[in-house]
Amino acid sequence: MAVFRSGLLVLTTPLASLAPRLAPILTSAARLVNHTLYVHLQPGMSLGAPAQPQSSLVQATFEVLDFITHLYAGADVHRHLDVRVLLTNIGAKSAFLPPLSGSVQNLAHPPEVVLTDFQTLDGSQYNPVKQQLERYATSCYSCCPQLASVLLYPDYGPGEL
């Protein structure tokens, strides 16, 4: 049952490993968000590190473009969701200008919840990781003041891990 109107999904798994897991992740997100789901790609980012993660460039390679195509195709089964891939940190290395410190991107529907595929070792909703996720989301995008956070643990079928 969807409980939030808009959400931000931060994908941290490397793209090669993420593609086969995408359908269960989107299904889990669709259970929580019922209107707009923004997707932010940050493959390889760790939310478990002591330092606050920063947004970094994701080069616009064929792998990234194929993944985005795969993501939109997979999202099509969730007709109630308006899925939008955020391209703020995707681009050619020479064209990338890091965001100014304190610069926050405004979104049409400020997210009420931030979700991630990042998983803790014990499979819990580990509080410091959720706090890192919330701080990361609000450092990049305009979010609702009472931003909630959820670590997604989708039900991967056999052979999907």
C-alpha atoms as a PDB file:
ATOM      1  CA  MET A   1       0.000   0.000   0.000  1.00  0.00           C
ATOM      2  CA  ALA A   2       1.501   3.311  -1.091  1.00  0.00           C
ATOM      3  CA  VAL A   3       1.864   5.806   1.712  1.00  0.00           C
ATOM      4  CA  PHE A   4       3.838   8.629   0.090  1.00  0.00           C
ATOM      5  CA  ARG A   5       2.860  10.769  -2.887  1.00  0.00           C
ATOM      6  CA  SER A   6       6.441  11.369  -4.051  1.00  0.00           C
ATOM      7  CA  GLY A   7       9.767   9.714  -3.412  1.00  0.00           C
ATOM      8  CA  LEU A   8      13.431   9.745  -4.313  1.00  0.00           C
ATOM      9  CA  LEU A   9      15.087   6.398  -5.049  1.00  0.00           C
ATOM     10  CA  VAL A  10      18.880   6.541  -4.657  1.00  0.00           C
ATOM     11  CA  LEU A  11      20.445   3.555  -6.420  1.00  0.00           C
ATOM     12  CA  THR A  12      23.906   2.736  -5.036  1.00  0.00           C
ATOM     13  CA  THR A  13      24.574  -0.748  -6.432  1.00  0.00           C
ATOM     14  CA  PRO A  14      27.019  -0.916  -9.382  1.00  0.00           C
ATOM     15  CA  LEU A  15      24.987  -0.929 -12.609  1.00  0.00           C
ATOM     16  CA  ALA A  16      26.111  -4.380 -13.791  1.00  0.00           C
ATOM     17  CA  SER A  17      24.743  -5.926 -10.578  1.00  0.00           C
ATOM     18  CA  LEU A  18      21.722  -3.635 -10.423  1.00  0.00           C
ATOM     19  CA  ALA A  19      20.070  -4.443 -13.760  1.00  0.00           C
ATOM     20  CA  PRO A  20      18.848  -7.946 -12.781  1.00  0.00           C
ATOM     21  CA  ARG A  21      17.624  -6.629  -9.404  1.00  0.00           C
ATOM     22  CA  LEU A  22      15.745  -3.654 -10.821  1.00  0.00           C
ATOM     23  CA  ALA A  23      12.252  -5.178 -11.118  1.00  0.00           C
ATOM     24  CA  PRO A  24      12.012  -6.157  -7.415  1.00  0.00           C
ATOM     25  CA  ILE A  25      13.444  -2.776  -6.362  1.00  0.00           C
ATOM     26  CA  LEU A  26      10.843  -0.915  -8.440  1.00  0.00           C
ATOM     27  CA  THR A  27       8.069  -3.144  -7.064  1.00  0.00           C
ATOM     28  CA  SER A  28       9.189  -2.374  -3.502  1.00  0.00           C
ATOM     29  CA  ALA A  29       9.317   1.356  -4.258  1.00  0.00           C
ATOM     30  CA  ALA A  30       5.864   1.232  -5.913  1.00  0.00           C
ATOM     31  CA  ARG A  31       4.417  -0.161  -2.669  1.00  0.00           C
ATOM     32  CA  LEU A  32       5.525   2.997  -0.853  1.00  0.00           C
ATOM     33  CA  VAL A  33       5.120   5.740  -3.464  1.00  0.00           C
ATOM     34  CA  ASN A  34       1.888   6.321  -5.357  1.00  0.00           C
ATOM     35  CA  HIS A  35       2.586   9.216  -7.729  1.00  0.00           C
ATOM     36  CA  THR A  36       6.090  10.535  -8.568  1.00  0.00           C
ATOM     37  CA  LEU A  37       9.274   8.503  -8.137  1.00  0.00           C
ATOM     38  CA  TYR A  38      12.530  10.278  -8.871  1.00  0.00           C
ATOM     39  CA  VAL A  39      15.521   8.017  -9.500  1.00  0.00           C
ATOM     40  CA  HIS A  40      19.053   9.192  -8.680  1.00  0.00           C
ATOM     41  CA  LEU A  41      21.940   7.006  -9.880  1.00  0.00           C
ATOM     42  CA  GLN A  42      24.995   6.920  -7.636  1.00  0.00           C
ATOM     43  CA  PRO A  43      26.527   3.467  -8.273  1.00  0.00           C
ATOM     44  CA  GLY A  44      29.168   2.467  -5.766  1.00  0.00           C
ATOM     45  CA  MET A  45      28.204   5.020  -3.108  1.00  0.00           C
ATOM     46  CA  SER A  46      28.425   3.738   0.465  1.00  0.00           C
ATOM     47  CA  LEU A  47      25.998   5.042   3.053  1.00  0.00           C
ATOM     48  CA  GLY A  48      27.757   3.040   5.758  1.00  0.00           C
ATOM     49  CA  ALA A  49      30.960   5.091   5.735  1.00  0.00           C
ATOM     50  CA  PRO A  50      31.550   7.593   8.554  1.00  0.00           C
ATOM     51  CA  ALA A  51      31.981  10.530   6.148  1.00  0.00           C
ATOM     52  CA  GLN A  52      28.900  12.098   4.567  1.00  0.00           C
ATOM     53  CA  PRO A  53      28.694  10.903   0.927  1.00  0.00           C
ATOM     54  CA  GLN A  54      28.805  13.525  -1.784  1.00  0.00           C
ATOM     55  CA  SER A  55      27.174  13.435  -5.204  1.00  0.00           C
ATOM     56  CA  SER A  56      29.684  12.473  -7.857  1.00  0.00           C
ATOM     57  CA  LEU A  57      29.752  12.297 -11.625  1.00  0.00           C
ATOM     58  CA  VAL A  58      28.280   9.250 -13.319  1.00  0.00           C
ATOM     59  CA  GLN A  59      29.688   9.210 -16.827  1.00  0.00           C
ATOM     60  CA  ALA A  60      27.081   8.921 -19.565  1.00  0.00           C
ATOM     61  CA  THR A  61      28.347   5.641 -21.003  1.00  0.00           C
ATOM     62  CA  PHE A  62      26.383   3.163 -23.099  1.00  0.00           C
ATOM     63  CA  GLU A  63      26.012   1.066 -19.925  1.00  0.00           C
ATOM     64  CA  VAL A  64      24.286   3.992 -18.156  1.00  0.00           C
ATOM     65  CA  LEU A  65      22.069   4.730 -21.156  1.00  0.00           C
ATOM     66  CA  ASP A  66      21.106   1.048 -21.474  1.00  0.00           C
ATOM     67  CA  PHE A  67      20.343   0.938 -17.761  1.00  0.00           C
ATOM     68  CA  ILE A  68      18.075   3.992 -17.986  1.00  0.00           C
ATOM     69  CA  THR A  69      16.231   2.394 -20.910  1.00  0.00           C
ATOM     70  CA  HIS A  70      15.881  -0.826 -18.885  1.00  0.00           C
ATOM     71  CA  LEU A  71      14.643   1.164 -15.887  1.00  0.00           C
ATOM     72  CA  TYR A  72      11.905   2.931 -17.861  1.00  0.00           C
ATOM     73  CA  ALA A  73      10.835  -0.356 -19.479  1.00  0.00           C
ATOM     74  CA  GLY A  74      10.630  -1.998 -16.039  1.00  0.00           C
ATOM     75  CA  ALA A  75       8.736   0.940 -14.571  1.00  0.00           C
ATOM     76  CA  ASP A  76       6.051   0.634 -17.239  1.00  0.00           C
ATOM     77  CA  VAL A  77       4.315  -2.140 -15.262  1.00  0.00           C
ATOM     78  CA  HIS A  78       3.713   0.340 -12.415  1.00  0.00           C
ATOM     79  CA  ARG A  79       1.236   2.518 -14.279  1.00  0.00           C
ATOM     80  CA  HIS A  80       0.389   4.611 -11.216  1.00  0.00           C
ATOM     81  CA  LEU A  81       4.002   5.816 -10.971  1.00  0.00           C
ATOM     82  CA  ASP A  82       5.459   8.759 -12.831  1.00  0.00           C
ATOM     83  CA  VAL A  83       9.123   7.639 -12.879  1.00  0.00           C
ATOM     84  CA  ARG A  84      11.712  10.318 -13.604  1.00  0.00           C
ATOM     85  CA  VAL A  85      15.452   9.643 -13.823  1.00  0.00           C
ATOM     86  CA  LEU A  86      17.383  12.643 -12.525  1.00  0.00           C
ATOM     87  CA  LEU A  87      20.276  13.578 -14.787  1.00  0.00           C
ATOM     88  CA  THR A  88      21.906  16.168 -12.518  1.00  0.00           C
ATOM     89  CA  ASN A  89      25.026  14.085 -11.923  1.00  0.00           C
ATOM     90  CA  ILE A  90      25.106  12.233 -15.263  1.00  0.00           C
ATOM     91  CA  GLY A  91      27.200  13.625 -18.076  1.00  0.00           C
ATOM     92  CA  ALA A  92      30.493  13.730 -19.902  1.00  0.00           C
ATOM     93  CA  LYS A  93      33.494  14.154 -17.619  1.00  0.00           C
ATOM     94  CA  SER A  94      34.664  17.307 -19.405  1.00  0.00           C
ATOM     95  CA  ALA A  95      31.222  18.920 -19.176  1.00  0.00           C
ATOM     96  CA  PHE A  96      30.600  18.138 -15.493  1.00  0.00           C
ATOM     97  CA  LEU A  97      30.655  21.039 -13.111  1.00  0.00           C
ATOM     98  CA  PRO A  98      30.229  19.929  -9.506  1.00  0.00           C
ATOM     99  CA  PRO A  99      27.253  21.503  -7.775  1.00  0.00           C
ATOM    100  CA  LEU A 100      28.045  24.531  -5.674  1.00  0.00           C
ATOM    101  CA  SER A 101      28.264  23.849  -1.975  1.00  0.00           C
ATOM    102  CA  GLY A 102      24.792  24.311  -0.541  1.00  0.00           C
ATOM    103  CA  SER A 103      23.223  24.260  -4.002  1.00  0.00           C
ATOM    104  CA  VAL A 104      20.038  22.199  -3.973  1.00  0.00           C
ATOM    105  CA  GLN A 105      18.101  21.144  -7.070  1.00  0.00           C
ATOM    106  CA  ASN A 106      14.387  21.946  -6.902  1.00  0.00           C
ATOM    107  CA  LEU A 107      12.021  19.177  -7.973  1.00  0.00           C
ATOM    108  CA  ALA A 108       8.440  19.617  -9.181  1.00  0.00           C
ATOM    109  CA  HIS A 109       7.151  17.290  -6.440  1.00  0.00           C
ATOM    110  CA  PRO A 110       9.450  17.471  -3.393  1.00  0.00           C
ATOM    111  CA  PRO A 111      10.047  13.907  -2.177  1.00  0.00           C
ATOM    112  CA  GLU A 112       8.330  12.859   1.038  1.00  0.00           C
ATOM    113  CA  VAL A 113      10.459   9.719   1.324  1.00  0.00           C
ATOM    114  CA  VAL A 114      13.944   8.755   0.210  1.00  0.00           C
ATOM    115  CA  LEU A 115      14.495   5.099  -0.656  1.00  0.00           C
ATOM    116  CA  THR A 116      17.654   3.193  -1.467  1.00  0.00           C
ATOM    117  CA  ASP A 117      18.842  -0.221  -2.557  1.00  0.00           C
ATOM    118  CA  PHE A 118      21.834   0.128  -0.176  1.00  0.00           C
ATOM    119  CA  GLN A 119      21.680  -2.741   2.284  1.00  0.00           C
ATOM    120  CA  THR A 120      23.203  -3.040   5.720  1.00  0.00           C
ATOM    121  CA  LEU A 121      25.024  -6.233   6.654  1.00  0.00           C
ATOM    122  CA  ASP A 122      22.414  -7.230   9.213  1.00  0.00           C
ATOM    123  CA  GLY A 123      19.416  -6.414   6.988  1.00  0.00           C
ATOM    124  CA  SER A 124      17.997  -3.856   9.402  1.00  0.00           C
ATOM    125  CA  GLN A 125      16.738  -0.308   9.033  1.00  0.00           C
ATOM    126  CA  TYR A 126      20.029   0.869  10.562  1.00  0.00           C
ATOM    127  CA  ASN A 127      19.501   4.401  11.884  1.00  0.00           C
ATOM    128  CA  PRO A 128      22.914   6.013  11.034  1.00  0.00           C
ATOM    129  CA  VAL A 129      22.603   4.751   7.436  1.00  0.00           C
ATOM    130  CA  LYS A 130      19.114   6.241   7.166  1.00  0.00           C
ATOM    131  CA  GLN A 131      20.409   9.532   8.555  1.00  0.00           C
ATOM    132  CA  GLN A 132      23.224   9.530   5.956  1.00  0.00           C
ATOM    133  CA  LEU A 133      20.630   8.853   3.251  1.00  0.00           C
ATOM    134  CA  GLU A 134      18.378  11.705   4.428  1.00  0.00           C
ATOM    135  CA  ARG A 135      21.306  14.154   4.610  1.00  0.00           C
ATOM    136  CA  TYR A 136      22.514  13.065   1.171  1.00  0.00           C
ATOM    137  CA  ALA A 137      19.046  13.524  -0.376  1.00  0.00           C
ATOM    138  CA  THR A 138      18.523  16.954   1.156  1.00  0.00           C
ATOM    139  CA  SER A 139      22.012  18.081   0.101  1.00  0.00           C
ATOM    140  CA  CYS A 140      21.138  17.309  -3.538  1.00  0.00           C
ATOM    141  CA  TYR A 141      17.400  17.984  -3.894  1.00  0.00           C
ATOM    142  CA  SER A 142      14.575  19.958  -2.328  1.00  0.00           C
ATOM    143  CA  CYS A 143      12.675  17.535  -0.096  1.00  0.00           C
ATOM    144  CA  CYS A 144       9.725  17.771   2.274  1.00  0.00           C
ATOM    145  CA  PRO A 145      10.698  18.944   5.782  1.00  0.00           C
ATOM    146  CA  GLN A 146       9.612  15.686   7.432  1.00  0.00           C
ATOM    147  CA  LEU A 147      11.560  13.478   5.006  1.00  0.00           C
ATOM    148  CA  ALA A 148      11.262   9.781   5.785  1.00  0.00           C
ATOM    149  CA  SER A 149      13.841   7.199   4.698  1.00  0.00           C
ATOM    150  CA  VAL A 150      13.561   3.507   3.873  1.00  0.00           C
ATOM    151  CA  LEU A 151      16.227   0.936   3.080  1.00  0.00           C
ATOM    152  CA  LEU A 152      14.578  -1.349   0.529  1.00  0.00           C
ATOM    153  CA  TYR A 153      14.972  -5.088   0.989  1.00  0.00           C
ATOM    154  CA  PRO A 154      13.074  -6.429  -2.026  1.00  0.00           C
ATOM    155  CA  ASP A 155      12.157 -10.051  -2.398  1.00  0.00           C
ATOM    156  CA  TYR A 156      14.720 -11.207  -4.953  1.00  0.00           C
ATOM    157  CA  GLY A 157      13.809 -14.458  -6.599  1.00  0.00           C
ATOM    158  CA  PRO A 158      16.275 -17.341  -6.919  1.00  0.00           C
ATOM    159  CA  GLY A 159      19.215 -16.432  -9.116  1.00  0.00           C
ATOM    160  CA  GLU A 160      18.643 -12.682  -8.779  1.00  0.00           C
ATOM    161  CA  LEU A 161      21.333 -12.064  -6.160  1.00  0.00           C
END
